[in-house]
Amino acid sequence: MAQQMDPNQLKKAEVSASLAKSLISQAIEQSAANPLLCEEALKQASAEIAQAQTMISQVQSTLQASSQQ
C-alpha cells in the first residue's frame, strides 16, 4: 500500500519558514540597536529553518517511497 503525503507537514513547514522570515527581519531591525536581540532572533530563525527542512525532507521521503511502490 502506498504511503500518503501529509499536507499538514507542508503547512507546518510553511509556518516555520514564515516565522523564520519574520525573525530575520527582526534581526535586521535590531542589528544596530541591540546586537544581543539580533543574535537571539537569528538563532531562533535558524532553528525554524532547520525544522522546516526536516518536515520537507519527511514529505519528500514519503513521496519517493510512494513512487517506488
PDB file of N, CA and C in Angstrom:
ATOM      1  N   MET A   1       0.841  -1.185   0.000  1.00  0.00           N
ATOM      2  CA  MET A   1       0.000   0.000   0.000  1.00  0.00           C
ATOM      3  C   MET A   1       0.886   1.248   0.000  1.00  0.00           C
ATOM      4  N   ALA A   2       0.576   2.201  -0.870  1.00  0.00           N
ATOM      5  CA  ALA A   2       1.366   3.421  -0.986  1.00  0.00           C
ATOM      6  C   ALA A   2       1.130   4.336   0.213  1.00  0.00           C
ATOM      7  N   GLN A   3       2.217   4.961   0.649  1.00  0.00           N
ATOM      8  CA  GLN A   3       2.098   5.910   1.753  1.00  0.00           C
ATOM      9  C   GLN A   3       1.475   7.203   1.245  1.00  0.00           C
ATOM     10  N   GLN A   4       0.728   7.850   2.106  1.00  0.00           N
ATOM     11  CA  GLN A   4       0.087   9.115   1.761  1.00  0.00           C
ATOM     12  C   GLN A   4       0.940  10.289   2.252  1.00  0.00           C
ATOM     13  N   MET A   5       1.054  11.298   1.407  1.00  0.00           N
ATOM     14  CA  MET A   5       1.729  12.522   1.817  1.00  0.00           C
ATOM     15  C   MET A   5       0.827  13.251   2.813  1.00  0.00           C
ATOM     16  N   ASP A   6       1.421  13.791   3.853  1.00  0.00           N
ATOM     17  CA  ASP A   6       0.666  14.527   4.864  1.00  0.00           C
ATOM     18  C   ASP A   6       0.749  16.025   4.558  1.00  0.00           C
ATOM     19  N   PRO A   7      -0.340  16.614   4.033  1.00  0.00           N
ATOM     20  CA  PRO A   7      -0.298  18.042   3.717  1.00  0.00           C
ATOM     21  C   PRO A   7      -0.048  18.912   4.944  1.00  0.00           C
ATOM     22  N   ASN A   8      -0.383  18.397   6.120  1.00  0.00           N
ATOM     23  CA  ASN A   8      -0.131  19.165   7.343  1.00  0.00           C
ATOM     24  C   ASN A   8       1.359  19.391   7.560  1.00  0.00           C
ATOM     25  N   GLN A   9       2.178  18.419   7.143  1.00  0.00           N
ATOM     26  CA  GLN A   9       3.634  18.587   7.265  1.00  0.00           C
ATOM     27  C   GLN A   9       4.096  19.791   6.448  1.00  0.00           C
ATOM     28  N   LEU A  10       3.546  19.924   5.239  1.00  0.00           N
ATOM     29  CA  LEU A  10       3.938  21.056   4.396  1.00  0.00           C
ATOM     30  C   LEU A  10       3.422  22.371   4.959  1.00  0.00           C
ATOM     31  N   LYS A  11       2.240  22.360   5.535  1.00  0.00           N
ATOM     32  CA  LYS A  11       1.704  23.577   6.166  1.00  0.00           C
ATOM     33  C   LYS A  11       2.585  23.996   7.341  1.00  0.00           C
ATOM     34  N   LYS A  12       3.012  23.004   8.137  1.00  0.00           N
ATOM     35  CA  LYS A  12       3.885  23.307   9.275  1.00  0.00           C
ATOM     36  C   LYS A  12       5.221  23.866   8.792  1.00  0.00           C
ATOM     37  N   ALA A  13       5.744  23.306   7.703  1.00  0.00           N
ATOM     38  CA  ALA A  13       6.997  23.808   7.138  1.00  0.00           C
ATOM     39  C   ALA A  13       6.817  25.241   6.647  1.00  0.00           C
ATOM     40  N   GLU A  14       5.664  25.511   6.047  1.00  0.00           N
ATOM     41  CA  GLU A  14       5.373  26.861   5.572  1.00  0.00           C
ATOM     42  C   GLU A  14       5.321  27.850   6.736  1.00  0.00           C
ATOM     43  N   VAL A  15       4.694  27.446   7.832  1.00  0.00           N
ATOM     44  CA  VAL A  15       4.614  28.307   9.018  1.00  0.00           C
ATOM     45  C   VAL A  15       6.014  28.559   9.578  1.00  0.00           C
ATOM     46  N   SER A  16       6.833  27.512   9.642  1.00  0.00           N
ATOM     47  CA  SER A  16       8.202  27.670  10.151  1.00  0.00           C
ATOM     48  C   SER A  16       9.008  28.618   9.274  1.00  0.00           C
ATOM     49  N   ALA A  17       8.863  28.482   7.963  1.00  0.00           N
ATOM     50  CA  ALA A  17       9.592  29.357   7.045  1.00  0.00           C
ATOM     51  C   ALA A  17       9.128  30.806   7.184  1.00  0.00           C
ATOM     52  N   SER A  18       7.829  30.990   7.353  1.00  0.00           N
ATOM     53  CA  SER A  18       7.288  32.341   7.531  1.00  0.00           C
ATOM     54  C   SER A  18       7.793  32.959   8.835  1.00  0.00           C
ATOM     55  N   LEU A  19       7.810  32.160   9.885  1.00  0.00           N
ATOM     56  CA  LEU A  19       8.316  32.641  11.169  1.00  0.00           C
ATOM     57  C   LEU A  19       9.799  32.986  11.060  1.00  0.00           C
ATOM     58  N   ALA A  20      10.557  32.157  10.356  1.00  0.00           N
ATOM     59  CA  ALA A  20      11.983  32.432  10.171  1.00  0.00           C
ATOM     60  C   ALA A  20      12.180  33.753   9.437  1.00  0.00           C
ATOM     61  N   LYS A  21      11.372  33.997   8.413  1.00  0.00           N
ATOM     62  CA  LYS A  21      11.469  35.262   7.672  1.00  0.00           C
ATOM     63  C   LYS A  21      11.212  36.448   8.597  1.00  0.00           C
ATOM     64  N   SER A  22      10.208  36.319   9.432  1.00  0.00           N
ATOM     65  CA  SER A  22       9.883  37.383  10.381  1.00  0.00           C
ATOM     66  C   SER A  22      11.026  37.610  11.368  1.00  0.00           C
ATOM     67  N   LEU A  23      11.610  36.522  11.845  1.00  0.00           N
ATOM     68  CA  LEU A  23      12.720  36.638  12.793  1.00  0.00           C
ATOM     69  C   LEU A  23      13.948  37.272  12.147  1.00  0.00           C
ATOM     70  N   ILE A  24      14.197  36.945  10.890  1.00  0.00           N
ATOM     71  CA  ILE A  24      15.330  37.549  10.183  1.00  0.00           C
ATOM     72  C   ILE A  24      15.096  39.049  10.004  1.00  0.00           C
ATOM     73  N   SER A  25      13.863  39.421   9.674  1.00  0.00           N
ATOM     74  CA  SER A  25      13.532  40.854   9.567  1.00  0.00           C
ATOM     75  C   SER A  25      13.748  41.557  10.898  1.00  0.00           C
ATOM     76  N   GLN A  26      13.340  40.894  11.972  1.00  0.00           N
ATOM     77  CA  GLN A  26      13.534  41.454  13.315  1.00  0.00           C
ATOM     78  C   GLN A  26      15.027  41.616  13.613  1.00  0.00           C
ATOM     79  N   ALA A  27      15.815  40.632  13.223  1.00  0.00           N
ATOM     80  CA  ALA A  27      17.260  40.701  13.456  1.00  0.00           C
ATOM     81  C   ALA A  27      17.876  41.877  12.707  1.00  0.00           C
ATOM     82  N   ILE A  28      17.419  42.097  11.482  1.00  0.00           N
ATOM     83  CA  ILE A  28      17.928  43.221  10.696  1.00  0.00           C
ATOM     84  C   ILE A  28      17.604  44.541  11.394  1.00  0.00           C
ATOM     85  N   GLU A  29      16.364  44.653  11.868  1.00  0.00           N
ATOM     86  CA  GLU A  29      15.947  45.886  12.543  1.00  0.00           C
ATOM     87  C   GLU A  29      16.726  46.118  13.840  1.00  0.00           C
ATOM     88  N   GLN A  30      17.054  45.049  14.550  1.00  0.00           N
ATOM     89  CA  GLN A  30      17.723  45.160  15.846  1.00  0.00           C
ATOM     90  C   GLN A  30      19.248  45.192  15.737  1.00  0.00           C
ATOM     91  N   SER A  31      19.784  44.932  14.554  1.00  0.00           N
ATOM     92  CA  SER A  31      21.226  44.729  14.422  1.00  0.00           C
ATOM     93  C   SER A  31      22.062  45.887  14.957  1.00  0.00           C
ATOM     94  N   ALA A  32      21.649  47.105  14.711  1.00  0.00           N
ATOM     95  CA  ALA A  32      22.431  48.250  15.187  1.00  0.00           C
ATOM     96  C   ALA A  32      22.109  48.594  16.635  1.00  0.00           C
ATOM     97  N   ALA A  33      20.843  48.544  16.987  1.00  0.00           N
ATOM     98  CA  ALA A  33      20.408  48.987  18.313  1.00  0.00           C
ATOM     99  C   ALA A  33      20.692  47.970  19.410  1.00  0.00           C
ATOM    100  N   ASN A  34      20.524  46.698  19.107  1.00  0.00           N
ATOM    101  CA  ASN A  34      20.647  45.682  20.152  1.00  0.00           C
ATOM    102  C   ASN A  34      21.205  44.377  19.571  1.00  0.00           C
ATOM    103  N   PRO A  35      22.523  44.270  19.535  1.00  0.00           N
ATOM    104  CA  PRO A  35      23.146  43.074  18.956  1.00  0.00           C
ATOM    105  C   PRO A  35      22.722  41.764  19.634  1.00  0.00           C
ATOM    106  N   LEU A  36      22.433  41.797  20.931  1.00  0.00           N
ATOM    107  CA  LEU A  36      22.015  40.570  21.617  1.00  0.00           C
ATOM    108  C   LEU A  36      20.655  40.091  21.122  1.00  0.00           C
ATOM    109  N   LEU A  37      19.715  41.020  20.948  1.00  0.00           N
ATOM    110  CA  LEU A  37      18.410  40.650  20.397  1.00  0.00           C
ATOM    111  C   LEU A  37      18.546  40.162  18.962  1.00  0.00           C
ATOM    112  N   CYS A  38      19.425  40.788  18.223  1.00  0.00           N
ATOM    113  CA  CYS A  38      19.694  40.370  16.848  1.00  0.00           C
ATOM    114  C   CYS A  38      20.191  38.929  16.821  1.00  0.00           C
ATOM    115  N   GLU A  39      21.154  38.636  17.675  1.00  0.00           N
ATOM    116  CA  GLU A  39      21.717  37.287  17.738  1.00  0.00           C
ATOM    117  C   GLU A  39      20.658  36.260  18.127  1.00  0.00           C
ATOM    118  N   GLU A  40      19.826  36.591  19.098  1.00  0.00           N
ATOM    119  CA  GLU A  40      18.780  35.669  19.538  1.00  0.00           C
ATOM    120  C   GLU A  40      17.760  35.424  18.424  1.00  0.00           C
ATOM    121  N   ALA A  41      17.387  36.470  17.724  1.00  0.00           N
ATOM    122  CA  ALA A  41      16.437  36.319  16.617  1.00  0.00           C
ATOM    123  C   ALA A  41      17.018  35.428  15.523  1.00  0.00           C
ATOM    124  N   LEU A  42      18.308  35.585  15.252  1.00  0.00           N
ATOM    125  CA  LEU A  42      18.947  34.745  14.237  1.00  0.00           C
ATOM    126  C   LEU A  42      19.024  33.285  14.677  1.00  0.00           C
ATOM    127  N   LYS A  43      19.273  33.045  15.952  1.00  0.00           N
ATOM    128  CA  LYS A  43      19.285  31.670  16.467  1.00  0.00           C
ATOM    129  C   LYS A  43      17.908  31.028  16.312  1.00  0.00           C
ATOM    130  N   GLN A  44      16.876  31.795  16.655  1.00  0.00           N
ATOM    131  CA  GLN A  44      15.513  31.274  16.527  1.00  0.00           C
ATOM    132  C   GLN A  44      15.159  31.025  15.064  1.00  0.00           C
ATOM    133  N   ALA A  45      15.571  31.934  14.190  1.00  0.00           N
ATOM    134  CA  ALA A  45      15.317  31.763  12.757  1.00  0.00           C
ATOM    135  C   ALA A  45      16.008  30.511  12.240  1.00  0.00           C
ATOM    136  N   SER A  46      17.229  30.294  12.680  1.00  0.00           N
ATOM    137  CA  SER A  46      17.974  29.106  12.272  1.00  0.00           C
ATOM    138  C   SER A  46      17.262  27.825  12.703  1.00  0.00           C
ATOM    139  N   ALA A  47      16.741  27.819  13.918  1.00  0.00           N
ATOM    140  CA  ALA A  47      16.009  26.649  14.414  1.00  0.00           C
ATOM    141  C   ALA A  47      14.737  26.413  13.603  1.00  0.00           C
ATOM    142  N   GLU A  48      14.038  27.483  13.247  1.00  0.00           N
ATOM    143  CA  GLU A  48      12.812  27.349  12.447  1.00  0.00           C
ATOM    144  C   GLU A  48      13.125  26.816  11.051  1.00  0.00           C
ATOM    145  N   ILE A  49      14.217  27.294  10.464  1.00  0.00           N
ATOM    146  CA  ILE A  49      14.622  26.822   9.141  1.00  0.00           C
ATOM    147  C   ILE A  49      14.971  25.337   9.194  1.00  0.00           C
ATOM    148  N   ALA A  50      15.684  24.928  10.227  1.00  0.00           N
ATOM    149  CA  ALA A  50      16.032  23.511  10.383  1.00  0.00           C
ATOM    150  C   ALA A  50      14.777  22.656  10.525  1.00  0.00           C
ATOM    151  N   GLN A  51      13.809  23.152  11.276  1.00  0.00           N
ATOM    152  CA  GLN A  51      12.559  22.416  11.461  1.00  0.00           C
ATOM    153  C   GLN A  51      11.810  22.293  10.129  1.00  0.00           C
ATOM    154  N   ALA A  52      11.769  23.374   9.368  1.00  0.00           N
ATOM    155  CA  ALA A  52      11.101  23.340   8.065  1.00  0.00           C
ATOM    156  C   ALA A  52      11.797  22.354   7.133  1.00  0.00           C
ATOM    157  N   GLN A  53      13.125  22.350   7.135  1.00  0.00           N
ATOM    158  CA  GLN A  53      13.874  21.420   6.288  1.00  0.00           C
ATOM    159  C   GLN A  53      13.572  19.977   6.657  1.00  0.00           C
ATOM    160  N   THR A  54      13.475  19.694   7.942  1.00  0.00           N
ATOM    161  CA  THR A  54      13.166  18.339   8.398  1.00  0.00           C
ATOM    162  C   THR A  54      11.794  17.906   7.904  1.00  0.00           C
ATOM    163  N   MET A  55      10.812  18.776   8.038  1.00  0.00           N
ATOM    164  CA  MET A  55       9.456  18.431   7.606  1.00  0.00           C
ATOM    165  C   MET A  55       9.388  18.222   6.096  1.00  0.00           C
ATOM    166  N   ILE A  56      10.069  19.063   5.346  1.00  0.00           N
ATOM    167  CA  ILE A  56      10.092  18.911   3.891  1.00  0.00           C
ATOM    168  C   ILE A  56      10.782  17.606   3.506  1.00  0.00           C
ATOM    169  N   SER A  57      11.868  17.272   4.175  1.00  0.00           N
ATOM    170  CA  SER A  57      12.567  16.014   3.901  1.00  0.00           C
ATOM    171  C   SER A  57      11.678  14.811   4.171  1.00  0.00           C
ATOM    172  N   GLN A  58      10.885  14.881   5.234  1.00  0.00           N
ATOM    173  CA  GLN A  58       9.971  13.786   5.547  1.00  0.00           C
ATOM    174  C   GLN A  58       8.935  13.607   4.442  1.00  0.00           C
ATOM    175  N   VAL A  59       8.400  14.710   3.947  1.00  0.00           N
ATOM    176  CA  VAL A  59       7.420  14.630   2.860  1.00  0.00           C
ATOM    177  C   VAL A  59       8.082  14.082   1.600  1.00  0.00           C
ATOM    178  N   GLN A  60       9.288  14.549   1.291  1.00  0.00           N
ATOM    179  CA  GLN A  60       9.998  14.052   0.115  1.00  0.00           C
ATOM    180  C   GLN A  60      10.252  12.553   0.219  1.00  0.00           C
ATOM    181  N   SER A  61      10.641  12.088   1.387  1.00  0.00           N
ATOM    182  CA  SER A  61      10.881  10.656   1.589  1.00  0.00           C
ATOM    183  C   SER A  61       9.611   9.851   1.367  1.00  0.00           C
ATOM    184  N   THR A  62       8.498  10.368   1.868  1.00  0.00           N
ATOM    185  CA  THR A  62       7.215   9.692   1.681  1.00  0.00           C
ATOM    186  C   THR A  62       6.860   9.622   0.203  1.00  0.00           C
ATOM    187  N   LEU A  63       7.058  10.728  -0.509  1.00  0.00           N
ATOM    188  CA  LEU A  63       6.749  10.749  -1.938  1.00  0.00           C
ATOM    189  C   LEU A  63       7.648   9.798  -2.719  1.00  0.00           C
ATOM    190  N   GLN A  64       8.924   9.755  -2.372  1.00  0.00           N
ATOM    191  CA  GLN A  64       9.847   8.854  -3.054  1.00  0.00           C
ATOM    192  C   GLN A  64       9.485   7.401  -2.791  1.00  0.00           C
ATOM    193  N   ALA A  65       9.129   7.096  -1.555  1.00  0.00           N
ATOM    194  CA  ALA A  65       8.736   5.728  -1.214  1.00  0.00           C
ATOM    195  C   ALA A  65       7.469   5.340  -1.964  1.00  0.00           C
ATOM    196  N   SER A  66       6.541   6.275  -2.091  1.00  0.00           N
ATOM    197  CA  SER A  66       5.285   6.004  -2.800  1.00  0.00           C
ATOM    198  C   SER A  66       5.530   5.756  -4.279  1.00  0.00           C
ATOM    199  N   SER A  67       6.441   6.516  -4.869  1.00  0.00           N
ATOM    200  CA  SER A  67       6.688   6.370  -6.303  1.00  0.00           C
ATOM    201  C   SER A  67       7.448   5.092  -6.632  1.00  0.00           C
ATOM    202  N   GLN A  68       8.109   4.510  -5.649  1.00  0.00           N
ATOM    203  CA  GLN A  68       8.864   3.276  -5.875  1.00  0.00           C
ATOM    204  C   GLN A  68       8.025   2.027  -5.664  1.00  0.00           C
ATOM    205  N   GLN A  69       6.802   2.205  -5.194  1.00  0.00           N
ATOM    206  CA  GLN A  69       5.947   1.038  -4.944  1.00  0.00           C
ATOM    207  C   GLN A  69       5.085   0.733  -6.141  1.00  0.00           C
TER     208      GLN A  69
END
